[in-house]
Full PDB file with SEQRES, HELIX, SHEET, SSBOND, CRYST1, ORIGX, SCALE, CONECT and MASTER records, all heavy atoms in Angstrom:
SEQRES   1 A   35  THR VAL GLY ALA TYR ALA PHE ASP ASN THR LYS GLY VAL          
SEQRES   2 A   35  LEU SER GLU LEU GLN THR VAL SER ALA LEU PRO ALA ASP          
SEQRES   3 A   35  PHE LYS GLY LYS PRO SER ALA ALA ASP                          
SHEET    1 AA1 2 VAL A   2  ASP A   8  0                                        
SHEET    2 AA1 2 VAL A  13  VAL A  20 -1                                        
CRYST1    1.000    1.000    1.000  90.00  90.00  90.00 P 1           1          
ORIGX1      1.000000  0.000000  0.000000        0.00000                         
ORIGX2      0.000000  1.000000  0.000000        0.00000                         
ORIGX3      0.000000  0.000000  1.000000        0.00000                         
SCALE1      1.000000  0.000000  0.000000        0.00000                         
SCALE2      0.000000  1.000000  0.000000        0.00000                         
SCALE3      0.000000  0.000000  1.000000        0.00000                         
ATOM      1  N   THR A   1       3.125   2.703  -4.126  1.00  0.00           N  
ATOM      2  CA  THR A   1       3.022   1.473  -3.349  1.00  0.00           C  
ATOM      3  C   THR A   1       1.603   1.338  -2.800  1.00  0.00           C  
ATOM      4  O   THR A   1       0.871   2.321  -2.694  1.00  0.00           O  
ATOM      5  CB  THR A   1       4.017   1.433  -2.176  1.00  0.00           C  
ATOM      6  OG1 THR A   1       3.798   2.563  -1.324  1.00  0.00           O  
ATOM      7  CG2 THR A   1       5.456   1.409  -2.672  1.00  0.00           C  
ATOM      8  N   VAL A   2       1.262   0.098  -2.459  1.00  0.00           N  
ATOM      9  CA  VAL A   2      -0.017  -0.198  -1.827  1.00  0.00           C  
ATOM     10  C   VAL A   2       0.291  -0.812  -0.470  1.00  0.00           C  
ATOM     11  O   VAL A   2       1.035  -1.790  -0.377  1.00  0.00           O  
ATOM     12  CB  VAL A   2      -0.850  -1.187  -2.675  1.00  0.00           C  
ATOM     13  CG1 VAL A   2      -2.128  -1.584  -1.937  1.00  0.00           C  
ATOM     14  CG2 VAL A   2      -1.174  -0.587  -4.037  1.00  0.00           C  
ATOM     15  N   GLY A   3      -0.281  -0.231   0.568  1.00  0.00           N  
ATOM     16  CA  GLY A   3      -0.122  -0.767   1.913  1.00  0.00           C  
ATOM     17  C   GLY A   3      -1.342  -1.587   2.301  1.00  0.00           C  
ATOM     18  O   GLY A   3      -2.472  -1.156   2.076  1.00  0.00           O  
ATOM     19  N   ALA A   4      -1.111  -2.772   2.850  1.00  0.00           N  
ATOM     20  CA  ALA A   4      -2.188  -3.610   3.381  1.00  0.00           C  
ATOM     21  C   ALA A   4      -2.164  -3.475   4.900  1.00  0.00           C  
ATOM     22  O   ALA A   4      -1.086  -3.533   5.522  1.00  0.00           O  
ATOM     23  CB  ALA A   4      -1.991  -5.067   2.975  1.00  0.00           C  
ATOM     24  N   TYR A   5      -3.351  -3.291   5.501  1.00  0.00           N  
ATOM     25  CA  TYR A   5      -3.455  -3.061   6.936  1.00  0.00           C  
ATOM     26  C   TYR A   5      -4.544  -3.946   7.543  1.00  0.00           C  
ATOM     27  O   TYR A   5      -5.592  -4.150   6.931  1.00  0.00           O  
ATOM     28  CB  TYR A   5      -3.824  -1.598   7.229  1.00  0.00           C  
ATOM     29  CG  TYR A   5      -2.753  -0.629   6.816  1.00  0.00           C  
ATOM     30  CD1 TYR A   5      -2.670  -0.190   5.501  1.00  0.00           C  
ATOM     31  CD2 TYR A   5      -1.827  -0.163   7.728  1.00  0.00           C  
ATOM     32  CE1 TYR A   5      -1.680   0.696   5.107  1.00  0.00           C  
ATOM     33  CE2 TYR A   5      -0.833   0.726   7.347  1.00  0.00           C  
ATOM     34  CZ  TYR A   5      -0.760   1.150   6.032  1.00  0.00           C  
ATOM     35  OH  TYR A   5       0.224   2.016   5.654  1.00  0.00           O  
ATOM     36  N   ALA A   6      -4.297  -4.407   8.749  1.00  0.00           N  
ATOM     37  CA  ALA A   6      -5.343  -5.062   9.539  1.00  0.00           C  
ATOM     38  C   ALA A   6      -6.117  -3.958  10.234  1.00  0.00           C  
ATOM     39  O   ALA A   6      -5.534  -2.952  10.671  1.00  0.00           O  
ATOM     40  CB  ALA A   6      -4.724  -6.010  10.555  1.00  0.00           C  
ATOM     41  N   PHE A   7      -7.436  -4.135  10.345  1.00  0.00           N  
ATOM     42  CA  PHE A   7      -8.288  -3.150  11.006  1.00  0.00           C  
ATOM     43  C   PHE A   7      -8.839  -3.741  12.292  1.00  0.00           C  
ATOM     44  O   PHE A   7      -9.497  -4.779  12.277  1.00  0.00           O  
ATOM     45  CB  PHE A   7      -9.433  -2.739  10.079  1.00  0.00           C  
ATOM     46  CG  PHE A   7     -10.450  -1.845  10.721  1.00  0.00           C  
ATOM     47  CD1 PHE A   7     -10.074  -0.659  11.339  1.00  0.00           C  
ATOM     48  CD2 PHE A   7     -11.788  -2.184  10.723  1.00  0.00           C  
ATOM     49  CE1 PHE A   7     -11.013   0.172  11.945  1.00  0.00           C  
ATOM     50  CE2 PHE A   7     -12.739  -1.364  11.310  1.00  0.00           C  
ATOM     51  CZ  PHE A   7     -12.349  -0.183  11.926  1.00  0.00           C  
ATOM     52  N   ASP A   8      -8.544  -3.085  13.418  1.00  0.00           N  
ATOM     53  CA  ASP A   8      -9.084  -3.476  14.715  1.00  0.00           C  
ATOM     54  C   ASP A   8     -10.369  -2.677  14.913  1.00  0.00           C  
ATOM     55  O   ASP A   8     -10.320  -1.485  15.233  1.00  0.00           O  
ATOM     56  CB  ASP A   8      -8.063  -3.155  15.812  1.00  0.00           C  
ATOM     57  CG  ASP A   8      -8.539  -3.556  17.200  1.00  0.00           C  
ATOM     58  OD1 ASP A   8      -9.775  -3.586  17.446  1.00  0.00           O  
ATOM     59  OD2 ASP A   8      -7.672  -3.808  18.061  1.00  0.00           O  
ATOM     60  N   ASN A   9     -11.522  -3.327  14.719  1.00  0.00           N  
ATOM     61  CA  ASN A   9     -12.780  -2.583  14.772  1.00  0.00           C  
ATOM     62  C   ASN A   9     -13.230  -2.257  16.199  1.00  0.00           C  
ATOM     63  O   ASN A   9     -14.159  -1.484  16.379  1.00  0.00           O  
ATOM     64  CB  ASN A   9     -13.881  -3.282  13.982  1.00  0.00           C  
ATOM     65  CG  ASN A   9     -14.279  -4.616  14.562  1.00  0.00           C  
ATOM     66  OD1 ASN A   9     -13.788  -5.016  15.610  1.00  0.00           O  
ATOM     67  ND2 ASN A   9     -15.153  -5.311  13.870  1.00  0.00           N  
ATOM     68  N   THR A  10     -12.600  -2.820  17.212  1.00  0.00           N  
ATOM     69  CA  THR A  10     -12.947  -2.425  18.579  1.00  0.00           C  
ATOM     70  C   THR A  10     -12.223  -1.142  18.978  1.00  0.00           C  
ATOM     71  O   THR A  10     -12.785  -0.305  19.671  1.00  0.00           O  
ATOM     72  CB  THR A  10     -12.633  -3.549  19.596  1.00  0.00           C  
ATOM     73  OG1 THR A  10     -11.254  -3.874  19.520  1.00  0.00           O  
ATOM     74  CG2 THR A  10     -13.473  -4.771  19.317  1.00  0.00           C  
ATOM     75  N   LYS A  11     -10.984  -0.985  18.529  1.00  0.00           N  
ATOM     76  CA  LYS A  11     -10.214   0.221  18.841  1.00  0.00           C  
ATOM     77  C   LYS A  11     -10.282   1.264  17.722  1.00  0.00           C  
ATOM     78  O   LYS A  11      -9.936   2.431  17.935  1.00  0.00           O  
ATOM     79  CB  LYS A  11      -8.752  -0.139  19.113  1.00  0.00           C  
ATOM     80  CG  LYS A  11      -8.566  -1.016  20.343  1.00  0.00           C  
ATOM     81  CD  LYS A  11      -7.111  -1.353  20.535  1.00  0.00           C  
ATOM     82  CE  LYS A  11      -6.927  -2.253  21.743  1.00  0.00           C  
ATOM     83  NZ  LYS A  11      -5.533  -2.682  21.902  1.00  0.00           N  
ATOM     84  N   GLY A  12     -10.657   0.819  16.504  1.00  0.00           N  
ATOM     85  CA  GLY A  12     -10.725   1.740  15.375  1.00  0.00           C  
ATOM     86  C   GLY A  12      -9.368   2.165  14.863  1.00  0.00           C  
ATOM     87  O   GLY A  12      -9.186   3.314  14.458  1.00  0.00           O  
ATOM     88  N   VAL A  13      -8.406   1.229  14.858  1.00  0.00           N  
ATOM     89  CA  VAL A  13      -7.056   1.563  14.411  1.00  0.00           C  
ATOM     90  C   VAL A  13      -6.556   0.544  13.392  1.00  0.00           C  
ATOM     91  O   VAL A  13      -7.047  -0.585  13.310  1.00  0.00           O  
ATOM     92  CB  VAL A  13      -6.062   1.655  15.596  1.00  0.00           C  
ATOM     93  CG1 VAL A  13      -6.430   2.801  16.521  1.00  0.00           C  
ATOM     94  CG2 VAL A  13      -5.984   0.347  16.345  1.00  0.00           C  
ATOM     95  N   LEU A  14      -5.542   0.969  12.643  1.00  0.00           N  
ATOM     96  CA  LEU A  14      -4.918   0.133  11.621  1.00  0.00           C  
ATOM     97  C   LEU A  14      -3.552  -0.329  12.097  1.00  0.00           C  
ATOM     98  O   LEU A  14      -2.877   0.374  12.853  1.00  0.00           O  
ATOM     99  CB  LEU A  14      -4.742   0.928  10.321  1.00  0.00           C  
ATOM    100  CG  LEU A  14      -5.992   1.503   9.686  1.00  0.00           C  
ATOM    101  CD1 LEU A  14      -5.609   2.392   8.500  1.00  0.00           C  
ATOM    102  CD2 LEU A  14      -6.934   0.390   9.241  1.00  0.00           C  
ATOM    103  N   SER A  15      -3.128  -1.508  11.610  1.00  0.00           N  
ATOM    104  CA  SER A  15      -1.749  -1.956  11.814  1.00  0.00           C  
ATOM    105  C   SER A  15      -1.260  -2.537  10.491  1.00  0.00           C  
ATOM    106  O   SER A  15      -1.959  -3.321   9.848  1.00  0.00           O  
ATOM    107  CB  SER A  15      -1.646  -2.980  12.948  1.00  0.00           C  
ATOM    108  OG  SER A  15      -2.486  -4.083  12.709  1.00  0.00           O  
ATOM    109  N   GLU A  16      -0.066  -2.129  10.106  1.00  0.00           N  
ATOM    110  CA  GLU A  16       0.469  -2.487   8.792  1.00  0.00           C  
ATOM    111  C   GLU A  16       0.785  -3.975   8.696  1.00  0.00           C  
ATOM    112  O   GLU A  16       1.384  -4.559   9.606  1.00  0.00           O  
ATOM    113  CB  GLU A  16       1.722  -1.668   8.490  1.00  0.00           C  
ATOM    114  CG  GLU A  16       2.227  -1.870   7.077  1.00  0.00           C  
ATOM    115  CD  GLU A  16       3.377  -0.957   6.707  1.00  0.00           C  
ATOM    116  OE1 GLU A  16       3.826  -0.169   7.562  1.00  0.00           O  
ATOM    117  OE2 GLU A  16       3.833  -1.046   5.558  1.00  0.00           O  
ATOM    118  N   LEU A  17       0.378  -4.567   7.579  1.00  0.00           N  
ATOM    119  CA  LEU A  17       0.679  -5.967   7.281  1.00  0.00           C  
ATOM    120  C   LEU A  17       1.785  -6.091   6.249  1.00  0.00           C  
ATOM    121  O   LEU A  17       2.637  -6.966   6.339  1.00  0.00           O  
ATOM    122  CB  LEU A  17      -0.573  -6.662   6.720  1.00  0.00           C  
ATOM    123  CG  LEU A  17      -1.796  -6.747   7.622  1.00  0.00           C  
ATOM    124  CD1 LEU A  17      -3.001  -7.247   6.842  1.00  0.00           C  
ATOM    125  CD2 LEU A  17      -1.497  -7.655   8.807  1.00  0.00           C  
ATOM    126  N   GLN A  18       1.749  -5.208   5.238  1.00  0.00           N  
ATOM    127  CA  GLN A  18       2.647  -5.372   4.102  1.00  0.00           C  
ATOM    128  C   GLN A  18       2.566  -4.136   3.215  1.00  0.00           C  
ATOM    129  O   GLN A  18       1.560  -3.426   3.218  1.00  0.00           O  
ATOM    130  CB  GLN A  18       2.228  -6.650   3.355  1.00  0.00           C  
ATOM    131  CG  GLN A  18       2.232  -6.627   1.878  1.00  0.00           C  
ATOM    132  CD  GLN A  18       1.534  -7.812   1.251  1.00  0.00           C  
ATOM    133  OE1 GLN A  18       0.342  -7.977   1.408  1.00  0.00           O  
ATOM    134  NE2 GLN A  18       2.254  -8.605   0.498  1.00  0.00           N  
ATOM    135  N   THR A  19       3.622  -3.900   2.434  1.00  0.00           N  
ATOM    136  CA  THR A  19       3.629  -2.872   1.395  1.00  0.00           C  
ATOM    137  C   THR A  19       4.160  -3.501   0.117  1.00  0.00           C  
ATOM    138  O   THR A  19       5.188  -4.189   0.145  1.00  0.00           O  
ATOM    139  CB  THR A  19       4.508  -1.667   1.795  1.00  0.00           C  
ATOM    140  OG1 THR A  19       3.983  -1.096   2.995  1.00  0.00           O  
ATOM    141  CG2 THR A  19       4.507  -0.610   0.709  1.00  0.00           C  
ATOM    142  N   VAL A  20       3.435  -3.292  -0.995  1.00  0.00           N  
ATOM    143  CA  VAL A  20       3.839  -3.850  -2.284  1.00  0.00           C  
ATOM    144  C   VAL A  20       3.850  -2.745  -3.334  1.00  0.00           C  
ATOM    145  O   VAL A  20       3.162  -1.737  -3.199  1.00  0.00           O  
ATOM    146  CB  VAL A  20       2.892  -4.990  -2.742  1.00  0.00           C  
ATOM    147  CG1 VAL A  20       2.990  -6.181  -1.812  1.00  0.00           C  
ATOM    148  CG2 VAL A  20       1.460  -4.499  -2.841  1.00  0.00           C  
ATOM    149  N   SER A  21       4.620  -2.939  -4.379  1.00  0.00           N  
ATOM    150  CA  SER A  21       4.716  -1.959  -5.458  1.00  0.00           C  
ATOM    151  C   SER A  21       3.552  -2.107  -6.434  1.00  0.00           C  
ATOM    152  O   SER A  21       3.064  -3.208  -6.665  1.00  0.00           O  
ATOM    153  CB  SER A  21       6.030  -2.136  -6.222  1.00  0.00           C  
ATOM    154  OG  SER A  21       6.092  -1.214  -7.300  1.00  0.00           O  
ATOM    155  N   ALA A  22       3.127  -0.964  -6.996  1.00  0.00           N  
ATOM    156  CA  ALA A  22       2.118  -0.969  -8.051  1.00  0.00           C  
ATOM    157  C   ALA A  22       2.759  -0.752  -9.420  1.00  0.00           C  
ATOM    158  O   ALA A  22       2.065  -0.638 -10.420  1.00  0.00           O  
ATOM    159  CB  ALA A  22       1.081   0.127  -7.795  1.00  0.00           C  
ATOM    160  N   LEU A  23       4.077  -0.706  -9.471  1.00  0.00           N  
ATOM    161  CA  LEU A  23       4.800  -0.428 -10.716  1.00  0.00           C  
ATOM    162  C   LEU A  23       5.189  -1.711 -11.443  1.00  0.00           C  
ATOM    163  O   LEU A  23       5.527  -2.706 -10.804  1.00  0.00           O  
ATOM    164  CB  LEU A  23       6.068   0.364 -10.422  1.00  0.00           C  
ATOM    165  CG  LEU A  23       5.865   1.783  -9.900  1.00  0.00           C  
ATOM    166  CD1 LEU A  23       7.174   2.335  -9.360  1.00  0.00           C  
ATOM    167  CD2 LEU A  23       5.310   2.670 -11.000  1.00  0.00           C  
ATOM    168  N   PRO A  24       5.183  -1.685 -12.773  1.00  0.00           N  
ATOM    169  CA  PRO A  24       5.751  -2.812 -13.520  1.00  0.00           C  
ATOM    170  C   PRO A  24       7.229  -2.959 -13.167  1.00  0.00           C  
ATOM    171  O   PRO A  24       7.911  -1.959 -12.878  1.00  0.00           O  
ATOM    172  CB  PRO A  24       5.573  -2.401 -14.987  1.00  0.00           C  
ATOM    173  CG  PRO A  24       4.515  -1.341 -14.978  1.00  0.00           C  
ATOM    174  CD  PRO A  24       4.648  -0.650 -13.650  1.00  0.00           C  
ATOM    175  N   ALA A  25       7.740  -4.171 -13.183  1.00  0.00           N  
ATOM    176  CA  ALA A  25       9.127  -4.438 -12.773  1.00  0.00           C  
ATOM    177  C   ALA A  25      10.153  -3.651 -13.577  1.00  0.00           C  
ATOM    178  O   ALA A  25      11.185  -3.249 -13.047  1.00  0.00           O  
ATOM    179  CB  ALA A  25       9.410  -5.936 -12.884  1.00  0.00           C  
ATOM    180  N   ASP A  26       9.865  -3.382 -14.845  1.00  0.00           N  
ATOM    181  CA  ASP A  26      10.837  -2.707 -15.712  1.00  0.00           C  
ATOM    182  C   ASP A  26      10.622  -1.191 -15.801  1.00  0.00           C  
ATOM    183  O   ASP A  26      11.283  -0.512 -16.580  1.00  0.00           O  
ATOM    184  CB  ASP A  26      10.804  -3.312 -17.110  1.00  0.00           C  
ATOM    185  CG  ASP A  26       9.429  -3.208 -17.772  1.00  0.00           C  
ATOM    186  OD1 ASP A  26       8.455  -2.819 -17.098  1.00  0.00           O  
ATOM    187  OD2 ASP A  26       9.341  -3.515 -18.976  1.00  0.00           O  
ATOM    188  N   PHE A  27       9.747  -0.625 -14.978  1.00  0.00           N  
ATOM    189  CA  PHE A  27       9.440   0.802 -15.073  1.00  0.00           C  
ATOM    190  C   PHE A  27      10.585   1.643 -14.519  1.00  0.00           C  
ATOM    191  O   PHE A  27      11.099   1.381 -13.443  1.00  0.00           O  
ATOM    192  CB  PHE A  27       8.152   1.110 -14.299  1.00  0.00           C  
ATOM    193  CG  PHE A  27       7.760   2.562 -14.347  1.00  0.00           C  
ATOM    194  CD1 PHE A  27       7.279   3.125 -15.518  1.00  0.00           C  
ATOM    195  CD2 PHE A  27       7.894   3.366 -13.227  1.00  0.00           C  
ATOM    196  CE1 PHE A  27       6.925   4.470 -15.564  1.00  0.00           C  
ATOM    197  CE2 PHE A  27       7.539   4.702 -13.260  1.00  0.00           C  
ATOM    198  CZ  PHE A  27       7.053   5.261 -14.435  1.00  0.00           C  
ATOM    199  N   LYS A  28      10.980   2.694 -15.266  1.00  0.00           N  
ATOM    200  CA  LYS A  28      12.107   3.538 -14.869  1.00  0.00           C  
ATOM    201  C   LYS A  28      11.720   4.998 -14.645  1.00  0.00           C  
ATOM    202  O   LYS A  28      12.558   5.804 -14.290  1.00  0.00           O  
ATOM    203  CB  LYS A  28      13.201   3.495 -15.950  1.00  0.00           C  
ATOM    204  CG  LYS A  28      13.708   2.111 -16.270  1.00  0.00           C  
ATOM    205  CD  LYS A  28      14.601   1.589 -15.187  1.00  0.00           C  
ATOM    206  CE  LYS A  28      15.267   0.313 -15.644  1.00  0.00           C  
ATOM    207  NZ  LYS A  28      15.103  -0.787 -14.741  1.00  0.00           N  
ATOM    208  N   GLY A  29      10.473   5.374 -14.864  1.00  0.00           N  
ATOM    209  CA  GLY A  29      10.063   6.775 -14.770  1.00  0.00           C  
ATOM    210  C   GLY A  29       9.697   7.206 -13.365  1.00  0.00           C  
ATOM    211  O   GLY A  29      10.010   6.545 -12.374  1.00  0.00           O  
ATOM    212  N   LYS A  30       8.988   8.340 -13.286  1.00  0.00           N  
ATOM    213  CA  LYS A  30       8.553   8.894 -12.011  1.00  0.00           C  
ATOM    214  C   LYS A  30       7.192   8.307 -11.652  1.00  0.00           C  
ATOM    215  O   LYS A  30       6.238   8.429 -12.413  1.00  0.00           O  
ATOM    216  CB  LYS A  30       8.448  10.413 -12.116  1.00  0.00           C  
ATOM    217  CG  LYS A  30       8.014  11.069 -10.832  1.00  0.00           C  
ATOM    218  CD  LYS A  30       7.908  12.571 -10.986  1.00  0.00           C  
ATOM    219  CE  LYS A  30       7.375  13.179  -9.690  1.00  0.00           C  
ATOM    220  NZ  LYS A  30       7.133  14.608  -9.829  1.00  0.00           N  
ATOM    221  N   PRO A  31       7.058   7.681 -10.469  1.00  0.00           N  
ATOM    222  CA  PRO A  31       5.777   7.107 -10.059  1.00  0.00           C  
ATOM    223  C   PRO A  31       4.718   8.188  -9.827  1.00  0.00           C  
ATOM    224  O   PRO A  31       5.046   9.304  -9.419  1.00  0.00           O  
ATOM    225  CB  PRO A  31       6.101   6.395  -8.741  1.00  0.00           C  
ATOM    226  CG  PRO A  31       7.574   6.287  -8.684  1.00  0.00           C  
ATOM    227  CD  PRO A  31       8.112   7.422  -9.489  1.00  0.00           C  
ATOM    228  N   SER A  32       3.472   7.816 -10.077  1.00  0.00           N  
ATOM    229  CA  SER A  32       2.354   8.737  -9.837  1.00  0.00           C  
ATOM    230  C   SER A  32       1.067   7.916  -9.746  1.00  0.00           C  
ATOM    231  O   SER A  32       0.249   7.909 -10.661  1.00  0.00           O  
ATOM    232  CB  SER A  32       2.257   9.764 -10.967  1.00  0.00           C  
ATOM    233  OG  SER A  32       1.218  10.678 -10.700  1.00  0.00           O  
ATOM    234  N   ALA A  33       0.886   7.234  -8.632  1.00  0.00           N  
ATOM    235  CA  ALA A  33      -0.288   6.380  -8.453  1.00  0.00           C  
ATOM    236  C   ALA A  33      -1.517   7.238  -8.169  1.00  0.00           C  
ATOM    237  O   ALA A  33      -1.402   8.375  -7.710  1.00  0.00           O  
ATOM    238  CB  ALA A  33      -0.049   5.394  -7.323  1.00  0.00           C  
ATOM    239  N   ALA A  34      -2.713   6.690  -8.443  1.00  0.00           N  
ATOM    240  CA  ALA A  34      -3.909   7.513  -8.326  1.00  0.00           C  
ATOM    241  C   ALA A  34      -5.031   6.874  -7.510  1.00  0.00           C  
ATOM    242  O   ALA A  34      -5.411   7.387  -6.475  1.00  0.00           O  
ATOM    243  CB  ALA A  34      -4.418   7.902  -9.711  1.00  0.00           C  
ATOM    244  N   ASP A  35      -5.592   5.777  -7.954  1.00  0.00           N  
ATOM    245  CA  ASP A  35      -6.843   5.274  -7.384  1.00  0.00           C  
ATOM    246  C   ASP A  35      -6.684   3.814  -6.972  1.00  0.00           C  
ATOM    247  O   ASP A  35      -5.759   3.127  -7.424  1.00  0.00           O  
ATOM    248  CB  ASP A  35      -7.959   5.428  -8.425  1.00  0.00           C  
ATOM    249  CG  ASP A  35      -9.346   5.505  -7.822  1.00  0.00           C  
ATOM    250  OD1 ASP A  35      -9.491   5.434  -6.590  1.00  0.00           O  
ATOM    251  OD2 ASP A  35     -10.306   5.634  -8.602  1.00  0.00           O  
TER     252      ASP A  35                                                      
MASTER        0    0    0    0    2    0    0    6  251    1    0    3          
END                                                                             
């Protein structure tokens, strides 16, 4: 999965906006994301 985050540059912290899959819709194997 890929997480999207807002960055508060005054506090230096992240807050989650969303998480989306990096897999094709029909994929049935074991996930192994890299870069």
